[in-house]
Amino acid sequence: MSVRPFPGLPRVPRLAGVLLVLLFQACGRQGTVAAPDEQIREAWKRYRFSEFSAALRIFQSVAASQPPGSEAHLQGIYGEASCWNHRRDGRDSTKAISGYQAVIAQAPASPLAAWCALDIVRAKHLAPADQDLDYGQLARDYGEVYQKYPHTPAGEEAFLYQIRLSLPTADADRARKNLEDIKAFLQSHPKTPFLSPLYTLMAESCHKMNEEDERLEYMIKAVQTREVDPTTPFFELSTAYWNIAYAAEFEAGDFAIARDYYRRLMAEFPREIRVFAARKALTRMDDMEAALREGRTPPQEYLGGALQ
């Protein structure tokens, strides 16, 4: 997906025990303090292992020791804000947002500024489960980030969140506007790493508009452009196959595509629990087509529009 400011930085870190480390882990044998960039790398390493207290101390030390506005100073502030934003124990979104705002104020043209603008909205979005969220406002906030930083990875990610949050409550007109916005986005961002999820959102928009043939087209494109991630269970592709086949059979009435994806499910996931239902679906479509060719009424159990 999009490239975060530091390689391997997770969006929401894993929960793990907080370990104590020396502030200057990378000091040399002569007792000299490691360079700021080495300290920053060490801090992100601690961060990735959810050692937030240790990472926080290093980020704070770098920020305090480097000139305001310098790259190391900005990275120190950004890292500290990220610790406050993503740690599970002692999370403080107020401190996180203050840190992100400080980076934007000091270096509005820095690539970090776009990430900070996105992370300010994310800090609000990642509120505790018992806190009510205004999803409409969040969608607008993400939209503002995209409008301000349209040609940055952070801006692209903000656009994705904007559409995703606005779609559940969208009526047909709003869904059509979302579809037009996504098409325009893809024209200006043809190499976006969010191609597959955006095709999925286009399919959902078409469903709200009752445009099932176009929906089916985008569902298939979403699978074809899906990023290969070895850490994601391959099982998820079986769900995508099933959803395409079901939509093709019952909502678009395209038996050829339905058969294709039911068979893909059976061939690639022979032990999947839905294989039995896929076999029944193939038989069902054969029986219905045979009945129609012969001028007979299809079996009653097939006329309800639901799987039997």
C-alpha atoms as a PDB file:
ATOM      1  CA  MET A   1       0.000   0.000   0.000  1.00  0.00           C
ATOM      2  CA  SER A   2       1.176   3.570   0.496  1.00  0.00           C
ATOM      3  CA  VAL A   3       4.677   4.173   1.801  1.00  0.00           C
ATOM      4  CA  ARG A   4       4.745   5.491   5.334  1.00  0.00           C
ATOM      5  CA  PRO A   5       7.535   7.903   6.368  1.00  0.00           C
ATOM      6  CA  PHE A   6       9.513   5.033   7.862  1.00  0.00           C
ATOM      7  CA  PRO A   7       9.718   1.491   6.422  1.00  0.00           C
ATOM      8  CA  GLY A   8       7.799  -1.129   8.331  1.00  0.00           C
ATOM      9  CA  LEU A   9       5.815   1.398  10.375  1.00  0.00           C
ATOM     10  CA  PRO A  10       2.487  -0.260  11.211  1.00  0.00           C
ATOM     11  CA  ARG A  11      -0.725   1.726  11.190  1.00  0.00           C
ATOM     12  CA  VAL A  12      -1.932   0.267  14.506  1.00  0.00           C
ATOM     13  CA  PRO A  13       0.912  -1.453  16.392  1.00  0.00           C
ATOM     14  CA  ARG A  14       0.613  -4.846  18.069  1.00  0.00           C
ATOM     15  CA  LEU A  15       0.113  -4.981  21.821  1.00  0.00           C
ATOM     16  CA  ALA A  16       3.260  -6.160  23.549  1.00  0.00           C
ATOM     17  CA  GLY A  17       5.129  -5.684  26.800  1.00  0.00           C
ATOM     18  CA  VAL A  18       7.056  -2.449  27.253  1.00  0.00           C
ATOM     19  CA  LEU A  19      10.770  -3.148  27.542  1.00  0.00           C
ATOM     20  CA  LEU A  20      13.441  -0.882  29.018  1.00  0.00           C
ATOM     21  CA  VAL A  21      16.431   0.016  26.846  1.00  0.00           C
ATOM     22  CA  LEU A  22      19.324   2.423  27.168  1.00  0.00           C
ATOM     23  CA  LEU A  23      18.697   5.789  25.574  1.00  0.00           C
ATOM     24  CA  PHE A  24      21.730   5.583  23.345  1.00  0.00           C
ATOM     25  CA  GLN A  25      21.636   1.932  22.324  1.00  0.00           C
ATOM     26  CA  ALA A  26      23.785   2.608  19.295  1.00  0.00           C
ATOM     27  CA  CYS A  27      26.650   4.336  21.066  1.00  0.00           C
ATOM     28  CA  GLY A  28      30.101   3.305  19.896  1.00  0.00           C
ATOM     29  CA  ARG A  29      32.896   1.806  21.961  1.00  0.00           C
ATOM     30  CA  GLN A  30      34.379   5.267  22.543  1.00  0.00           C
ATOM     31  CA  GLY A  31      31.162   6.401  24.261  1.00  0.00           C
ATOM     32  CA  THR A  32      30.210   8.755  21.437  1.00  0.00           C
ATOM     33  CA  VAL A  33      26.493   9.386  20.951  1.00  0.00           C
ATOM     34  CA  ALA A  34      25.020   7.796  17.848  1.00  0.00           C
ATOM     35  CA  ALA A  35      24.098  10.067  14.974  1.00  0.00           C
ATOM     36  CA  PRO A  36      20.496  11.343  14.998  1.00  0.00           C
ATOM     37  CA  ASP A  37      19.501   9.224  12.010  1.00  0.00           C
ATOM     38  CA  GLU A  38      20.801   6.105  13.755  1.00  0.00           C
ATOM     39  CA  GLN A  39      18.867   7.008  16.890  1.00  0.00           C
ATOM     40  CA  ILE A  40      15.716   7.543  14.809  1.00  0.00           C
ATOM     41  CA  ARG A  41      16.117   4.113  13.196  1.00  0.00           C
ATOM     42  CA  GLU A  42      16.589   2.558  16.621  1.00  0.00           C
ATOM     43  CA  ALA A  43      13.465   4.334  17.890  1.00  0.00           C
ATOM     44  CA  TRP A  44      11.328   3.026  15.012  1.00  0.00           C
ATOM     45  CA  LYS A  45      12.716  -0.440  15.641  1.00  0.00           C
ATOM     46  CA  ARG A  46      11.522  -0.192  19.244  1.00  0.00           C
ATOM     47  CA  TYR A  47       8.221   1.192  18.015  1.00  0.00           C
ATOM     48  CA  ARG A  48       7.651  -1.742  15.669  1.00  0.00           C
ATOM     49  CA  PHE A  49       8.158  -4.109  18.587  1.00  0.00           C
ATOM     50  CA  SER A  50       5.630  -2.072  20.609  1.00  0.00           C
ATOM     51  CA  GLU A  51       8.361  -0.924  23.022  1.00  0.00           C
ATOM     52  CA  PHE A  52       6.737   2.500  23.136  1.00  0.00           C
ATOM     53  CA  SER A  53       8.287   3.856  26.329  1.00  0.00           C
ATOM     54  CA  ALA A  54      11.782   3.169  25.000  1.00  0.00           C
ATOM     55  CA  ALA A  55      10.957   4.561  21.564  1.00  0.00           C
ATOM     56  CA  LEU A  56       9.388   7.642  23.113  1.00  0.00           C
ATOM     57  CA  ARG A  57      12.511   8.483  25.110  1.00  0.00           C
ATOM     58  CA  ILE A  58      14.728   8.262  22.036  1.00  0.00           C
ATOM     59  CA  PHE A  59      12.388  10.363  19.887  1.00  0.00           C
ATOM     60  CA  GLN A  60      12.165  13.010  22.622  1.00  0.00           C
ATOM     61  CA  SER A  61      15.941  13.083  23.014  1.00  0.00           C
ATOM     62  CA  VAL A  62      16.505  13.566  19.287  1.00  0.00           C
ATOM     63  CA  ALA A  63      13.886  16.306  19.065  1.00  0.00           C
ATOM     64  CA  ALA A  64      15.407  18.138  22.040  1.00  0.00           C
ATOM     65  CA  SER A  65      19.007  17.890  20.786  1.00  0.00           C
ATOM     66  CA  GLN A  66      18.477  18.939  17.163  1.00  0.00           C
ATOM     67  CA  PRO A  67      17.820  22.445  15.762  1.00  0.00           C
ATOM     68  CA  PRO A  68      14.127  23.314  15.315  1.00  0.00           C
ATOM     69  CA  GLY A  69      12.999  22.710  11.767  1.00  0.00           C
ATOM     70  CA  SER A  70      15.811  20.277  10.979  1.00  0.00           C
ATOM     71  CA  GLU A  71      14.885  16.909   9.522  1.00  0.00           C
ATOM     72  CA  ALA A  72      15.995  15.031  12.638  1.00  0.00           C
ATOM     73  CA  HIS A  73      14.058  17.404  14.887  1.00  0.00           C
ATOM     74  CA  LEU A  74      10.887  16.945  12.806  1.00  0.00           C
ATOM     75  CA  GLN A  75      11.282  13.173  12.761  1.00  0.00           C
ATOM     76  CA  GLY A  76      11.738  13.162  16.510  1.00  0.00           C
ATOM     77  CA  ILE A  77       8.508  15.102  17.019  1.00  0.00           C
ATOM     78  CA  TYR A  78       6.655  12.936  14.495  1.00  0.00           C
ATOM     79  CA  GLY A  79       7.886   9.752  16.146  1.00  0.00           C
ATOM     80  CA  GLU A  80       6.894  10.980  19.593  1.00  0.00           C
ATOM     81  CA  ALA A  81       3.418  11.893  18.318  1.00  0.00           C
ATOM     82  CA  SER A  82       3.082   8.461  16.706  1.00  0.00           C
ATOM     83  CA  CYS A  83       3.926   6.781  20.005  1.00  0.00           C
ATOM     84  CA  TRP A  84       1.237   8.759  21.807  1.00  0.00           C
ATOM     85  CA  ASN A  85      -1.225   8.038  19.018  1.00  0.00           C
ATOM     86  CA  HIS A  86      -0.766   4.290  18.670  1.00  0.00           C
ATOM     87  CA  ARG A  87       0.286   2.919  22.044  1.00  0.00           C
ATOM     88  CA  ARG A  88      -2.444   0.942  23.794  1.00  0.00           C
ATOM     89  CA  ASP A  89      -1.322   1.702  27.339  1.00  0.00           C
ATOM     90  CA  GLY A  90      -1.379   5.399  28.091  1.00  0.00           C
ATOM     91  CA  ARG A  91      -2.526   6.479  24.636  1.00  0.00           C
ATOM     92  CA  ASP A  92      -2.889  10.262  24.524  1.00  0.00           C
ATOM     93  CA  SER A  93      -4.442  11.557  21.307  1.00  0.00           C
ATOM     94  CA  THR A  94      -4.213  15.167  22.535  1.00  0.00           C
ATOM     95  CA  LYS A  95      -0.415  14.955  22.798  1.00  0.00           C
ATOM     96  CA  ALA A  96      -0.307  13.126  19.463  1.00  0.00           C
ATOM     97  CA  ILE A  97      -2.302  15.801  17.656  1.00  0.00           C
ATOM     98  CA  SER A  98      -0.213  18.556  19.264  1.00  0.00           C
ATOM     99  CA  GLY A  99       2.949  16.896  17.960  1.00  0.00           C
ATOM    100  CA  TYR A 100       1.560  16.489  14.455  1.00  0.00           C
ATOM    101  CA  GLN A 101       0.482  20.132  14.428  1.00  0.00           C
ATOM    102  CA  ALA A 102       3.964  21.202  15.544  1.00  0.00           C
ATOM    103  CA  VAL A 103       5.538  19.456  12.538  1.00  0.00           C
ATOM    104  CA  ILE A 104       3.090  21.129  10.143  1.00  0.00           C
ATOM    105  CA  ALA A 105       3.736  24.544  11.737  1.00  0.00           C
ATOM    106  CA  GLN A 106       7.515  24.196  11.503  1.00  0.00           C
ATOM    107  CA  ALA A 107       7.732  22.658   8.045  1.00  0.00           C
ATOM    108  CA  PRO A 108       4.496  22.946   6.044  1.00  0.00           C
ATOM    109  CA  ALA A 109       6.298  21.948   2.842  1.00  0.00           C
ATOM    110  CA  SER A 110       7.905  18.836   4.325  1.00  0.00           C
ATOM    111  CA  PRO A 111       6.650  15.431   3.156  1.00  0.00           C
ATOM    112  CA  LEU A 112       5.992  14.748   6.833  1.00  0.00           C
ATOM    113  CA  ALA A 113       3.384  17.533   6.886  1.00  0.00           C
ATOM    114  CA  ALA A 114       1.005  15.540   4.688  1.00  0.00           C
ATOM    115  CA  TRP A 115       1.375  12.479   6.902  1.00  0.00           C
ATOM    116  CA  CYS A 116       0.795  14.614   9.986  1.00  0.00           C
ATOM    117  CA  ALA A 117      -2.383  16.087   8.500  1.00  0.00           C
ATOM    118  CA  LEU A 118      -3.633  12.563   7.800  1.00  0.00           C
ATOM    119  CA  ASP A 119      -2.616  11.304  11.222  1.00  0.00           C
ATOM    120  CA  ILE A 120      -4.481  14.128  12.959  1.00  0.00           C
ATOM    121  CA  VAL A 121      -7.699  12.821  11.430  1.00  0.00           C
ATOM    122  CA  ARG A 122      -6.671   9.234  12.118  1.00  0.00           C
ATOM    123  CA  ALA A 123      -6.113  10.120  15.776  1.00  0.00           C
ATOM    124  CA  LYS A 124      -9.746  11.213  15.963  1.00  0.00           C
ATOM    125  CA  HIS A 125     -10.891   8.191  13.963  1.00  0.00           C
ATOM    126  CA  LEU A 126      -9.107   5.755  16.298  1.00  0.00           C
ATOM    127  CA  ALA A 127     -11.141   6.882  19.276  1.00  0.00           C
ATOM    128  CA  PRO A 128     -12.055   4.409  22.054  1.00  0.00           C
ATOM    129  CA  ALA A 129     -14.863   2.013  21.209  1.00  0.00           C
ATOM    130  CA  ASP A 130     -17.221   3.629  23.720  1.00  0.00           C
ATOM    131  CA  GLN A 131     -16.843   7.070  22.127  1.00  0.00           C
ATOM    132  CA  ASP A 132     -19.353   8.128  19.478  1.00  0.00           C
ATOM    133  CA  LEU A 133     -17.830   9.172  16.185  1.00  0.00           C
ATOM    134  CA  ASP A 134     -19.196  11.655  13.670  1.00  0.00           C
ATOM    135  CA  TYR A 135     -18.400   9.697  10.529  1.00  0.00           C
ATOM    136  CA  GLY A 136     -19.731  12.422   8.265  1.00  0.00           C
ATOM    137  CA  GLN A 137     -17.324  14.939   9.781  1.00  0.00           C
ATOM    138  CA  LEU A 138     -14.462  12.461   9.620  1.00  0.00           C
ATOM    139  CA  ALA A 139     -15.164  11.918   5.923  1.00  0.00           C
ATOM    140  CA  ARG A 140     -15.080  15.686   5.371  1.00  0.00           C
ATOM    141  CA  ASP A 141     -11.839  15.962   7.347  1.00  0.00           C
ATOM    142  CA  TYR A 142     -10.223  13.259   5.235  1.00  0.00           C
ATOM    143  CA  GLY A 143     -11.488  15.073   2.156  1.00  0.00           C
ATOM    144  CA  GLU A 144      -9.741  18.261   3.298  1.00  0.00           C
ATOM    145  CA  VAL A 145      -6.462  16.382   3.679  1.00  0.00           C
ATOM    146  CA  TYR A 146      -6.802  15.063   0.132  1.00  0.00           C
ATOM    147  CA  GLN A 147      -7.629  18.506  -1.244  1.00  0.00           C
ATOM    148  CA  LYS A 148      -4.568  20.007   0.453  1.00  0.00           C
ATOM    149  CA  TYR A 149      -2.150  17.194  -0.432  1.00  0.00           C
ATOM    150  CA  PRO A 150      -3.684  15.590  -3.547  1.00  0.00           C
ATOM    151  CA  HIS A 151      -0.474  14.215  -5.048  1.00  0.00           C
ATOM    152  CA  THR A 152       1.089  12.657  -1.970  1.00  0.00           C
ATOM    153  CA  PRO A 153       0.763   9.103  -0.631  1.00  0.00           C
ATOM    154  CA  ALA A 154      -0.917  10.513   2.482  1.00  0.00           C
ATOM    155  CA  GLY A 155      -3.403  12.421   0.330  1.00  0.00           C
ATOM    156  CA  GLU A 156      -4.259   9.284  -1.620  1.00  0.00           C
ATOM    157  CA  GLU A 157      -4.844   7.385   1.601  1.00  0.00           C
ATOM    158  CA  ALA A 158      -7.059  10.211   2.864  1.00  0.00           C
ATOM    159  CA  PHE A 159      -9.169  10.005  -0.307  1.00  0.00           C
ATOM    160  CA  LEU A 160      -9.711   6.295   0.245  1.00  0.00           C
ATOM    161  CA  TYR A 161     -10.897   6.885   3.822  1.00  0.00           C
ATOM    162  CA  GLN A 162     -13.144   9.733   2.691  1.00  0.00           C
ATOM    163  CA  ILE A 163     -15.019   7.541   0.212  1.00  0.00           C
ATOM    164  CA  ARG A 164     -15.107   4.542   2.516  1.00  0.00           C
ATOM    165  CA  LEU A 165     -16.692   6.514   5.365  1.00  0.00           C
ATOM    166  CA  SER A 166     -19.225   8.337   3.201  1.00  0.00           C
ATOM    167  CA  LEU A 167     -20.540   5.271   1.385  1.00  0.00           C
ATOM    168  CA  PRO A 168     -22.492   3.380   4.109  1.00  0.00           C
ATOM    169  CA  THR A 169     -25.042   6.188   4.496  1.00  0.00           C
ATOM    170  CA  ALA A 170     -25.013   7.277   0.861  1.00  0.00           C
ATOM    171  CA  ASP A 171     -28.198   7.285  -1.188  1.00  0.00           C
ATOM    172  CA  ALA A 172     -28.161   6.629  -4.935  1.00  0.00           C
ATOM    173  CA  ASP A 173     -27.259  10.224  -5.777  1.00  0.00           C
ATOM    174  CA  ARG A 174     -24.408  10.344  -3.265  1.00  0.00           C
ATOM    175  CA  ALA A 175     -23.191   6.955  -4.486  1.00  0.00           C
ATOM    176  CA  ARG A 176     -23.170   8.262  -8.066  1.00  0.00           C
ATOM    177  CA  LYS A 177     -21.135  11.276  -6.957  1.00  0.00           C
ATOM    178  CA  ASN A 178     -18.686   8.969  -5.160  1.00  0.00           C
ATOM    179  CA  LEU A 179     -18.352   6.874  -8.306  1.00  0.00           C
ATOM    180  CA  GLU A 180     -17.601   9.972 -10.385  1.00  0.00           C
ATOM    181  CA  ASP A 181     -15.074  11.163  -7.803  1.00  0.00           C
ATOM    182  CA  ILE A 182     -13.272   7.817  -7.831  1.00  0.00           C
ATOM    183  CA  LYS A 183     -13.143   7.770 -11.631  1.00  0.00           C
ATOM    184  CA  ALA A 184     -11.636  11.261 -11.617  1.00  0.00           C
ATOM    185  CA  PHE A 185      -9.154  10.207  -8.944  1.00  0.00           C
ATOM    186  CA  LEU A 186      -8.040   7.202 -10.995  1.00  0.00           C
ATOM    187  CA  GLN A 187      -7.536   9.455 -14.022  1.00  0.00           C
ATOM    188  CA  SER A 188      -5.102  11.617 -12.055  1.00  0.00           C
ATOM    189  CA  HIS A 189      -3.600   8.773  -9.988  1.00  0.00           C
ATOM    190  CA  PRO A 190      -3.345   5.807 -12.391  1.00  0.00           C
ATOM    191  CA  LYS A 191      -0.588   4.159 -10.342  1.00  0.00           C
ATOM    192  CA  THR A 192      -2.264   4.469  -6.959  1.00  0.00           C
ATOM    193  CA  PRO A 193      -1.582   1.513  -4.653  1.00  0.00           C
ATOM    194  CA  PHE A 194      -5.263   1.658  -3.633  1.00  0.00           C
ATOM    195  CA  LEU A 195      -6.601   0.464  -6.966  1.00  0.00           C
ATOM    196  CA  SER A 196      -8.182  -2.741  -5.647  1.00  0.00           C
ATOM    197  CA  PRO A 197      -9.999  -1.210  -2.638  1.00  0.00           C
ATOM    198  CA  LEU A 198     -11.186   1.661  -4.823  1.00  0.00           C
ATOM    199  CA  TYR A 199     -12.662  -0.793  -7.333  1.00  0.00           C
ATOM    200  CA  THR A 200     -14.451  -2.419  -4.394  1.00  0.00           C
ATOM    201  CA  LEU A 201     -15.891   0.962  -3.386  1.00  0.00           C
ATOM    202  CA  MET A 202     -16.942   1.544  -6.994  1.00  0.00           C
ATOM    203  CA  ALA A 203     -18.762  -1.786  -6.935  1.00  0.00           C
ATOM    204  CA  GLU A 204     -20.534  -0.852  -3.707  1.00  0.00           C
ATOM    205  CA  SER A 205     -21.540   2.485  -5.210  1.00  0.00           C
ATOM    206  CA  CYS A 206     -22.998   0.744  -8.253  1.00  0.00           C
ATOM    207  CA  HIS A 207     -24.942  -1.605  -5.970  1.00  0.00           C
ATOM    208  CA  LYS A 208     -26.574   1.398  -4.272  1.00  0.00           C
ATOM    209  CA  MET A 209     -27.420   2.737  -7.726  1.00  0.00           C
ATOM    210  CA  ASN A 210     -28.898  -0.650  -8.748  1.00  0.00           C
ATOM    211  CA  GLU A 211     -26.358  -0.892 -11.588  1.00  0.00           C
ATOM    212  CA  GLU A 212     -25.558  -4.561 -11.113  1.00  0.00           C
ATOM    213  CA  ASP A 213     -23.758  -5.228 -14.396  1.00  0.00           C
ATOM    214  CA  GLU A 214     -21.323  -2.381 -13.755  1.00  0.00           C
ATOM    215  CA  ARG A 215     -21.001  -3.507 -10.146  1.00  0.00           C
ATOM    216  CA  LEU A 216     -19.966  -6.956 -11.304  1.00  0.00           C
ATOM    217  CA  GLU A 217     -17.310  -5.459 -13.574  1.00  0.00           C
ATOM    218  CA  TYR A 218     -15.732  -3.575 -10.675  1.00  0.00           C
ATOM    219  CA  MET A 219     -15.915  -6.571  -8.340  1.00  0.00           C
ATOM    220  CA  ILE A 220     -13.876  -8.557 -10.841  1.00  0.00           C
ATOM    221  CA  LYS A 221     -11.377  -5.714 -11.299  1.00  0.00           C
ATOM    222  CA  ALA A 222     -10.957  -5.512  -7.530  1.00  0.00           C
ATOM    223  CA  VAL A 223      -9.849  -9.157  -7.485  1.00  0.00           C
ATOM    224  CA  GLN A 224      -7.638  -8.806 -10.553  1.00  0.00           C
ATOM    225  CA  THR A 225      -5.775  -5.823  -9.082  1.00  0.00           C
ATOM    226  CA  ARG A 226      -5.542  -7.084  -5.516  1.00  0.00           C
ATOM    227  CA  GLU A 227      -2.063  -6.690  -4.075  1.00  0.00           C
ATOM    228  CA  VAL A 228      -0.377  -9.980  -3.241  1.00  0.00           C
ATOM    229  CA  ASP A 229       0.408  -9.967   0.471  1.00  0.00           C
ATOM    230  CA  PRO A 230       1.948 -13.161   1.861  1.00  0.00           C
ATOM    231  CA  THR A 231       0.879 -12.147   5.369  1.00  0.00           C
ATOM    232  CA  THR A 232      -2.808 -12.124   4.386  1.00  0.00           C
ATOM    233  CA  PRO A 233      -4.567 -15.507   4.483  1.00  0.00           C
ATOM    234  CA  PHE A 234      -5.251 -16.727   0.937  1.00  0.00           C
ATOM    235  CA  PHE A 235      -8.662 -17.808   2.225  1.00  0.00           C
ATOM    236  CA  GLU A 236      -9.900 -14.265   1.662  1.00  0.00           C
ATOM    237  CA  LEU A 237      -9.774 -14.774  -2.097  1.00  0.00           C
ATOM    238  CA  SER A 238     -12.354 -17.525  -1.734  1.00  0.00           C
ATOM    239  CA  THR A 239     -14.759 -14.985  -0.242  1.00  0.00           C
ATOM    240  CA  ALA A 240     -14.182 -12.650  -3.172  1.00  0.00           C
ATOM    241  CA  TYR A 241     -14.880 -15.496  -5.626  1.00  0.00           C
ATOM    242  CA  TRP A 242     -18.058 -16.407  -3.785  1.00  0.00           C
ATOM    243  CA  ASN A 243     -19.299 -12.806  -3.701  1.00  0.00           C
ATOM    244  CA  ILE A 244     -18.707 -12.364  -7.423  1.00  0.00           C
ATOM    245  CA  ALA A 245     -20.431 -15.636  -8.279  1.00  0.00           C
ATOM    246  CA  TYR A 246     -23.410 -14.872  -6.044  1.00  0.00           C
ATOM    247  CA  ALA A 247     -23.807 -11.334  -7.433  1.00  0.00           C
ATOM    248  CA  ALA A 248     -23.511 -12.636 -10.993  1.00  0.00           C
ATOM    249  CA  GLU A 249     -26.137 -15.351 -10.457  1.00  0.00           C
ATOM    250  CA  PHE A 250     -28.748 -13.530  -8.410  1.00  0.00           C
ATOM    251  CA  GLU A 251     -28.257  -9.814  -9.038  1.00  0.00           C
ATOM    252  CA  ALA A 252     -26.767  -9.424 -12.512  1.00  0.00           C
ATOM    253  CA  GLY A 253     -28.240 -12.623 -13.968  1.00  0.00           C
ATOM    254  CA  ASP A 254     -24.942 -13.454 -15.663  1.00  0.00           C
ATOM    255  CA  PHE A 255     -24.708 -17.230 -15.392  1.00  0.00           C
ATOM    256  CA  ALA A 256     -21.471 -17.413 -17.413  1.00  0.00           C
ATOM    257  CA  ILE A 257     -19.566 -15.287 -14.892  1.00  0.00           C
ATOM    258  CA  ALA A 258     -21.312 -17.036 -12.005  1.00  0.00           C
ATOM    259  CA  ARG A 259     -20.198 -20.449 -13.271  1.00  0.00           C
ATOM    260  CA  ASP A 260     -16.661 -19.197 -13.817  1.00  0.00           C
ATOM    261  CA  TYR A 261     -16.232 -17.995 -10.240  1.00  0.00           C
ATOM    262  CA  TYR A 262     -18.050 -20.888  -8.608  1.00  0.00           C
ATOM    263  CA  ARG A 263     -15.640 -23.181 -10.457  1.00  0.00           C
ATOM    264  CA  ARG A 264     -12.637 -21.101  -9.434  1.00  0.00           C
ATOM    265  CA  LEU A 265     -13.735 -21.447  -5.841  1.00  0.00           C
ATOM    266  CA  MET A 266     -14.056 -25.214  -6.199  1.00  0.00           C
ATOM    267  CA  ALA A 267     -10.737 -25.624  -8.011  1.00  0.00           C
ATOM    268  CA  GLU A 268      -8.568 -23.348  -5.864  1.00  0.00           C
ATOM    269  CA  PHE A 269     -10.214 -24.024  -2.491  1.00  0.00           C
ATOM    270  CA  PRO A 270     -11.434 -27.640  -2.640  1.00  0.00           C
ATOM    271  CA  ARG A 271     -11.780 -27.841   1.157  1.00  0.00           C
ATOM    272  CA  GLU A 272     -13.643 -24.547   1.541  1.00  0.00           C
ATOM    273  CA  ILE A 273     -17.008 -24.937   3.257  1.00  0.00           C
ATOM    274  CA  ARG A 274     -18.835 -23.176   0.398  1.00  0.00           C
ATOM    275  CA  VAL A 275     -17.719 -25.711  -2.227  1.00  0.00           C
ATOM    276  CA  PHE A 276     -20.860 -27.782  -1.589  1.00  0.00           C
ATOM    277  CA  ALA A 277     -23.066 -24.726  -2.145  1.00  0.00           C
ATOM    278  CA  ALA A 278     -21.081 -23.880  -5.299  1.00  0.00           C
ATOM    279  CA  ARG A 279     -21.808 -27.353  -6.704  1.00  0.00           C
ATOM    280  CA  LYS A 280     -25.495 -26.873  -5.946  1.00  0.00           C
ATOM    281  CA  ALA A 281     -25.381 -23.488  -7.657  1.00  0.00           C
ATOM    282  CA  LEU A 282     -23.986 -25.026 -10.851  1.00  0.00           C
ATOM    283  CA  THR A 283     -26.733 -27.634 -10.827  1.00  0.00           C
ATOM    284  CA  ARG A 284     -29.349 -24.976 -10.109  1.00  0.00           C
ATOM    285  CA  MET A 285     -28.310 -22.835 -13.077  1.00  0.00           C
ATOM    286  CA  ASP A 286     -28.200 -25.884 -15.381  1.00  0.00           C
ATOM    287  CA  ASP A 287     -31.719 -26.881 -14.302  1.00  0.00           C
ATOM    288  CA  MET A 288     -33.092 -23.382 -14.762  1.00  0.00           C
ATOM    289  CA  GLU A 289     -31.597 -22.964 -18.217  1.00  0.00           C
ATOM    290  CA  ALA A 290     -32.821 -26.417 -19.279  1.00  0.00           C
ATOM    291  CA  ALA A 291     -36.328 -25.610 -18.092  1.00  0.00           C
ATOM    292  CA  LEU A 292     -36.369 -22.314 -19.979  1.00  0.00           C
ATOM    293  CA  ARG A 293     -35.075 -23.921 -23.193  1.00  0.00           C
ATOM    294  CA  GLU A 294     -37.811 -26.537 -22.990  1.00  0.00           C
ATOM    295  CA  GLY A 295     -40.505 -24.007 -22.193  1.00  0.00           C
ATOM    296  CA  ARG A 296     -41.029 -25.365 -18.676  1.00  0.00           C
ATOM    297  CA  THR A 297     -41.365 -23.394 -15.475  1.00  0.00           C
ATOM    298  CA  PRO A 298     -38.123 -23.650 -13.488  1.00  0.00           C
ATOM    299  CA  PRO A 299     -38.337 -25.690 -10.277  1.00  0.00           C
ATOM    300  CA  GLN A 300     -40.205 -23.731  -7.602  1.00  0.00           C
ATOM    301  CA  GLU A 301     -37.310 -23.832  -5.132  1.00  0.00           C
ATOM    302  CA  TYR A 302     -35.169 -21.862  -7.609  1.00  0.00           C
ATOM    303  CA  LEU A 303     -37.561 -18.967  -8.011  1.00  0.00           C
ATOM    304  CA  GLY A 304     -37.080 -17.321  -4.636  1.00  0.00           C
ATOM    305  CA  GLY A 305     -33.791 -15.655  -5.513  1.00  0.00           C
ATOM    306  CA  ALA A 306     -31.938 -17.260  -2.630  1.00  0.00           C
ATOM    307  CA  LEU A 307     -29.562 -20.123  -2.203  1.00  0.00           C
ATOM    308  CA  GLN A 308     -31.209 -23.430  -1.375  1.00  0.00           C
END
